[in-house]
Amino acid sequence: MAIVTTIYGDMDDSLLDKLEGKVDNDVETTTWVEYRKIGSDEIIHRSCHITLKEIPVFSSADTGKM
């Protein structure tokens, strides 16, 4: 059993419903997890991890400084 940090403090994951998802495309891979109290619709923990596959357009090796 694992402990999950929620908006109500640390809780044992056996008391929670877990929902996971993933988005994977040419630009990014995103995974996420949500926890709710069993029998409730209230999200009490949500976290995600994003991995970019391309350098963002706003980013550049040249900082523009002169």
C-alpha atoms as a PDB file:
ATOM      1  CA  MET A   1       0.000   0.000   0.000  1.00  0.00           C
ATOM      2  CA  ALA A   2       1.209   3.459  -0.868  1.00  0.00           C
ATOM      3  CA  ILE A   3       0.661   6.860   0.675  1.00  0.00           C
ATOM      4  CA  VAL A   4      -0.745   9.606  -1.580  1.00  0.00           C
ATOM      5  CA  THR A   5      -0.455  13.304  -0.707  1.00  0.00           C
ATOM      6  CA  THR A   6      -3.908  14.868  -1.180  1.00  0.00           C
ATOM      7  CA  ILE A   7      -5.627  18.156  -0.403  1.00  0.00           C
ATOM      8  CA  TYR A   8      -6.686  16.505   2.871  1.00  0.00           C
ATOM      9  CA  GLY A   9      -3.175  15.353   3.788  1.00  0.00           C
ATOM     10  CA  ASP A  10      -1.512  11.983   3.304  1.00  0.00           C
ATOM     11  CA  MET A  11      -3.921   9.089   2.647  1.00  0.00           C
ATOM     12  CA  ASP A  12      -3.498   5.365   2.026  1.00  0.00           C
ATOM     13  CA  ASP A  13      -4.178   4.563  -1.639  1.00  0.00           C
ATOM     14  CA  SER A  14      -6.511   1.712  -0.615  1.00  0.00           C
ATOM     15  CA  LEU A  15      -9.041   4.417   0.358  1.00  0.00           C
ATOM     16  CA  LEU A  16      -8.907   6.059  -3.070  1.00  0.00           C
ATOM     17  CA  ASP A  17     -10.030   5.498  -6.659  1.00  0.00           C
ATOM     18  CA  LYS A  18      -7.169   6.001  -9.139  1.00  0.00           C
ATOM     19  CA  LEU A  19      -7.545   7.157 -12.743  1.00  0.00           C
ATOM     20  CA  GLU A  20      -4.576   7.314 -15.137  1.00  0.00           C
ATOM     21  CA  GLY A  21      -4.237   8.637 -18.664  1.00  0.00           C
ATOM     22  CA  LYS A  22      -1.733   9.326 -21.407  1.00  0.00           C
ATOM     23  CA  VAL A  23      -1.360  11.582 -24.447  1.00  0.00           C
ATOM     24  CA  ASP A  24       1.353  10.705 -26.956  1.00  0.00           C
ATOM     25  CA  ASN A  25       1.849  12.641 -30.184  1.00  0.00           C
ATOM     26  CA  ASP A  26       4.660  14.115 -32.304  1.00  0.00           C
ATOM     27  CA  VAL A  27       5.187  17.028 -29.898  1.00  0.00           C
ATOM     28  CA  GLU A  28       4.835  15.536 -26.415  1.00  0.00           C
ATOM     29  CA  THR A  29       4.204  12.559 -24.185  1.00  0.00           C
ATOM     30  CA  THR A  30       2.029  13.376 -21.187  1.00  0.00           C
ATOM     31  CA  THR A  31       0.996  10.987 -18.429  1.00  0.00           C
ATOM     32  CA  TRP A  32      -1.328  11.930 -15.575  1.00  0.00           C
ATOM     33  CA  VAL A  33      -2.920  10.430 -12.485  1.00  0.00           C
ATOM     34  CA  GLU A  34      -5.946  11.523 -10.451  1.00  0.00           C
ATOM     35  CA  TYR A  35      -7.190  10.218  -7.113  1.00  0.00           C
ATOM     36  CA  ARG A  36     -10.695  10.550  -5.655  1.00  0.00           C
ATOM     37  CA  LYS A  37     -12.145   9.306  -2.401  1.00  0.00           C
ATOM     38  CA  ILE A  38     -13.966   6.027  -3.083  1.00  0.00           C
ATOM     39  CA  GLY A  39     -17.561   6.879  -4.046  1.00  0.00           C
ATOM     40  CA  SER A  40     -16.855  10.590  -4.583  1.00  0.00           C
ATOM     41  CA  ASP A  41     -16.415  12.741  -7.694  1.00  0.00           C
ATOM     42  CA  GLU A  42     -14.095  15.198  -5.917  1.00  0.00           C
ATOM     43  CA  ILE A  43     -10.520  15.102  -7.221  1.00  0.00           C
ATOM     44  CA  ILE A  44      -8.217  15.222  -4.194  1.00  0.00           C
ATOM     45  CA  HIS A  45      -4.894  14.669  -6.001  1.00  0.00           C
ATOM     46  CA  ARG A  46      -3.830  15.311  -9.590  1.00  0.00           C
ATOM     47  CA  SER A  47      -0.338  15.143 -11.027  1.00  0.00           C
ATOM     48  CA  CYS A  48       1.228  14.934 -14.469  1.00  0.00           C
ATOM     49  CA  HIS A  49       4.537  14.444 -16.227  1.00  0.00           C
ATOM     50  CA  ILE A  50       5.219  16.015 -19.633  1.00  0.00           C
ATOM     51  CA  THR A  51       8.122  15.103 -21.921  1.00  0.00           C
ATOM     52  CA  LEU A  52       8.620  17.389 -24.911  1.00  0.00           C
ATOM     53  CA  LYS A  53       9.842  15.720 -28.099  1.00  0.00           C
ATOM     54  CA  GLU A  54      10.687  18.964 -29.909  1.00  0.00           C
ATOM     55  CA  ILE A  55      12.324  22.217 -28.874  1.00  0.00           C
ATOM     56  CA  PRO A  56       9.529  24.774 -28.266  1.00  0.00           C
ATOM     57  CA  VAL A  57       9.222  27.564 -30.835  1.00  0.00           C
ATOM     58  CA  PHE A  58       9.862  30.262 -28.204  1.00  0.00           C
ATOM     59  CA  SER A  59      13.182  28.619 -27.295  1.00  0.00           C
ATOM     60  CA  SER A  60      16.427  29.080 -29.144  1.00  0.00           C
ATOM     61  CA  ALA A  61      20.142  28.534 -28.675  1.00  0.00           C
ATOM     62  CA  ASP A  62      20.568  32.232 -29.564  1.00  0.00           C
ATOM     63  CA  THR A  63      19.360  34.373 -26.668  1.00  0.00           C
ATOM     64  CA  GLY A  64      19.392  37.515 -28.782  1.00  0.00           C
ATOM     65  CA  LYS A  65      21.891  39.285 -26.508  1.00  0.00           C
ATOM     66  CA  MET A  66      24.384  41.617 -28.129  1.00  0.00           C
END
